């Protein structure tokens, strides 16, 4: 049975069950059937294509979101750390630590970067911490050397060249994935 015919089967079954079972039972002559039209699918990202804006979105997080939006998506962080912002004396760079990712908030309370540190979160193309190093070259337009300890992919949509994906490796496996603004 196809998805559409299965839907009609359940819709008819729901309508058929609306009548009462006995002489004194109430009769329902209205049934609510909710139909959701499929959303327009976003264009797929082909493997080995350059970084695109959708590549920089992780777990619904995207650059520029304020801390309230991050908290709405992920809840309260497990811990918070603060480092001095060398670009703005007296200001702090705040990092919200979650189980498998770190949200790096800039000194203006906006999300500047996302760092994936555990296997529970993947990039838009499916790269995960713990995955084999060779997977990077299958998914992204890069020729990272097999012996490299990290690989940086620049986002061409940033004219300053400060937005990138930096993938770190350990024992030929992905150990960290950093996406966003490069602070140092």
Protein backbone atom coordinates (compact mmCIF):
# COMPACT_ATOMS: atom_id res chain seq x y z
CA UNK A 1 0.00 0.00 0.00
CA UNK A 2 1.44 3.39 -0.93
CA UNK A 3 1.61 6.30 1.50
CA UNK A 4 -1.34 8.06 -0.15
CA UNK A 5 -3.62 4.98 -0.20
CA UNK A 6 -2.64 4.21 3.41
CA UNK A 7 -3.68 7.75 4.33
CA UNK A 8 -7.08 7.31 2.65
CA UNK A 9 -7.53 3.95 4.39
CA UNK A 10 -7.01 5.54 7.82
CA UNK A 11 -9.18 8.53 6.93
CA UNK A 12 -12.04 6.23 5.90
CA UNK A 13 -11.55 4.09 9.00
CA UNK A 14 -11.76 7.21 11.15
CA UNK A 15 -14.96 8.30 9.42
CA UNK A 16 -16.48 4.83 9.75
CA UNK A 17 -15.85 4.79 13.48
CA UNK A 18 -17.76 8.01 14.10
CA UNK A 19 -21.14 6.33 14.55
CA UNK A 20 -22.30 5.14 17.94
CA UNK A 21 -22.09 1.48 18.91
CA UNK A 22 -25.54 1.11 20.36
CA UNK A 23 -29.03 2.61 20.31
CA UNK A 24 -28.32 4.99 23.20
CA UNK A 25 -24.77 5.96 22.32
CA UNK A 26 -24.13 9.39 20.86
CA UNK A 27 -23.65 9.76 17.15
CA UNK A 28 -20.80 11.88 15.83
CA UNK A 29 -21.31 13.17 12.33
CA UNK A 30 -18.11 15.17 12.03
CA UNK A 31 -14.57 13.92 11.79
CA UNK A 32 -11.47 16.04 11.73
CA UNK A 33 -8.80 14.96 9.31
CA UNK A 34 -5.61 16.99 9.26
CA UNK A 35 -3.72 17.05 6.02
CA UNK A 36 -0.33 18.65 5.90
CA UNK A 37 0.98 19.56 2.50
CA UNK A 38 4.62 18.68 2.02
CA UNK A 39 6.99 21.55 2.47
CA UNK A 40 9.03 22.59 -0.49
CA UNK A 41 12.27 20.70 -0.18
CA UNK A 42 15.41 22.73 -0.02
CA UNK A 43 17.87 22.08 -2.79
CA UNK A 44 20.22 19.29 -1.83
CA UNK A 45 23.86 19.96 -1.33
CA UNK A 46 25.97 17.91 -3.64
CA UNK A 47 29.04 16.27 -2.17
CA UNK A 48 32.34 17.99 -2.80
CA UNK A 49 30.67 21.35 -3.54
CA UNK A 50 32.05 24.51 -1.86
CA UNK A 51 30.64 25.54 1.52
CA UNK A 52 27.21 27.15 1.28
CA UNK A 53 25.20 29.06 3.90
CA UNK A 54 23.20 25.92 4.79
CA UNK A 55 26.48 24.13 5.60
CA UNK A 56 26.99 26.54 8.49
CA UNK A 57 23.67 25.66 10.17
CA UNK A 58 23.91 23.00 12.88
CA UNK A 59 21.05 21.77 15.08
CA UNK A 60 19.00 24.77 13.91
CA UNK A 61 21.70 27.21 15.02
CA UNK A 62 23.02 29.80 12.61
CA UNK A 63 25.43 32.67 12.83
CA UNK A 64 24.04 35.92 14.21
CA UNK A 65 21.34 34.39 16.44
CA UNK A 66 21.12 35.98 19.85
CA UNK A 67 21.51 34.02 23.06
CA UNK A 68 17.73 33.87 23.64
CA UNK A 69 17.25 32.08 20.30
CA UNK A 70 20.07 29.65 21.14
CA UNK A 71 18.49 28.92 24.54
CA UNK A 72 15.09 28.40 22.90
CA UNK A 73 16.58 25.78 20.55
CA UNK A 74 18.93 23.99 22.93
CA UNK A 75 17.76 24.84 26.43
CA UNK A 76 20.05 25.90 29.24
CA UNK A 77 23.72 25.07 28.74
CA UNK A 78 25.46 22.46 30.88
CA UNK A 79 28.18 25.00 31.64
CA UNK A 80 29.37 28.45 30.55
CA UNK A 81 32.91 29.73 30.04
CA UNK A 82 34.22 33.21 29.28
CA UNK A 83 37.43 34.33 27.60
CA UNK A 84 38.78 37.81 26.97
CA UNK A 85 37.94 39.24 23.54
CA UNK A 86 41.29 40.46 22.22
CA UNK A 87 39.47 42.64 19.67
CA UNK A 88 37.58 44.59 22.32
CA UNK A 89 39.43 45.13 25.62
CA UNK A 90 37.15 44.46 28.58
CA UNK A 91 34.67 42.43 26.52
CA UNK A 92 34.24 38.68 26.84
CA UNK A 93 33.65 35.84 24.40
CA UNK A 94 31.09 33.54 25.99
CA UNK A 95 30.87 29.82 25.26
CA UNK A 96 27.81 27.75 26.17
CA UNK A 97 28.74 24.11 26.57
CA UNK A 98 26.22 21.37 25.74
CA UNK A 99 26.72 17.62 25.61
CA UNK A 100 27.87 17.42 21.98
CA UNK A 101 28.39 21.03 20.96
CA UNK A 102 29.61 24.41 22.11
CA UNK A 103 27.84 27.62 21.08
CA UNK A 104 30.36 30.48 20.89
CA UNK A 105 28.68 33.83 21.53
CA UNK A 106 30.54 36.96 20.54
CA UNK A 107 30.89 40.02 22.70
CA UNK A 108 27.68 41.42 21.20
CA UNK A 109 25.57 38.45 22.41
CA UNK A 110 25.27 36.90 18.96
CA UNK A 111 26.24 33.42 17.86
CA UNK A 112 29.58 33.56 16.10
CA UNK A 113 30.45 29.90 15.84
CA UNK A 114 29.34 26.36 16.62
CA UNK A 115 31.79 23.68 17.67
CA UNK A 116 30.72 20.06 17.43
CA UNK A 117 32.52 18.03 20.09
CA UNK A 118 30.48 14.81 20.26
CA UNK A 119 28.84 12.31 17.91
CA UNK A 120 25.26 13.31 18.73
CA UNK A 121 25.33 16.30 16.36
CA UNK A 122 26.19 16.25 12.65
CA UNK A 123 26.91 18.88 10.03
CA UNK A 124 24.35 19.54 7.29
CA UNK A 125 26.17 17.02 5.10
CA UNK A 126 26.33 14.37 7.81
CA UNK A 127 29.88 14.67 9.14
CA UNK A 128 30.15 13.61 12.79
CA UNK A 129 32.80 13.55 15.46
CA UNK A 130 34.20 10.02 15.53
CA UNK A 131 33.74 9.50 11.81
CA UNK A 132 36.69 8.49 9.61
CA UNK A 133 38.95 11.23 8.31
CA UNK A 134 38.39 10.07 4.73
CA UNK A 135 34.70 11.02 5.08
CA UNK A 136 35.70 14.69 4.95
CA UNK A 137 37.01 14.39 1.39
CA UNK A 138 33.89 12.46 0.39
CA UNK A 139 31.58 15.26 1.62
CA UNK A 140 33.52 18.47 1.09
CA UNK A 141 35.61 20.07 -1.64
CA UNK A 142 38.96 19.59 0.01
CA UNK A 143 42.03 17.53 -0.41
CA UNK A 144 43.09 17.22 3.22
CA UNK A 145 46.27 15.23 3.51
CA UNK A 146 45.76 11.87 5.25
CA UNK A 147 48.38 12.81 7.86
CA UNK A 148 46.90 16.27 8.57
CA UNK A 149 45.86 17.11 12.13
CA UNK A 150 43.25 19.59 10.87
CA UNK A 151 41.68 20.88 7.71
CA UNK A 152 40.18 24.31 7.05
CA UNK A 153 37.47 24.97 4.47
CA UNK A 154 36.79 28.64 3.80
CA UNK A 155 33.33 29.97 3.13
CA UNK A 156 33.50 32.06 -0.04
CA UNK A 157 30.37 34.05 0.93
CA UNK A 158 32.45 35.95 3.51
CA UNK A 159 34.51 38.62 1.74
CA UNK A 160 36.75 38.95 4.81
CA UNK A 161 37.60 35.26 4.77
CA UNK A 162 36.83 34.94 8.47
CA UNK A 163 34.09 32.32 8.20
CA UNK A 164 35.18 28.73 7.84
CA UNK A 165 34.80 25.11 8.83
CA UNK A 166 37.80 23.73 10.69
CA UNK A 167 37.87 19.98 11.16
CA UNK A 168 40.33 18.48 13.64
CA UNK A 169 41.53 14.88 13.55
CA UNK A 170 42.97 12.39 15.98
CA UNK A 171 43.99 8.86 15.02
CA UNK A 172 42.50 9.42 11.52
CA UNK A 173 39.08 10.18 12.97
CA UNK A 174 37.19 13.46 13.23
CA UNK A 175 37.74 14.85 16.75
CA UNK A 176 36.14 18.33 16.49
CA UNK A 177 34.24 20.37 13.90
CA UNK A 178 34.26 24.16 14.20
CA UNK A 179 31.87 26.18 12.00
CA UNK A 180 31.70 29.94 11.94
CA UNK A 181 33.73 33.04 12.60
CA UNK A 182 37.45 32.57 13.13
CA UNK A 183 38.37 34.56 16.23
CA UNK A 184 42.13 34.12 16.29
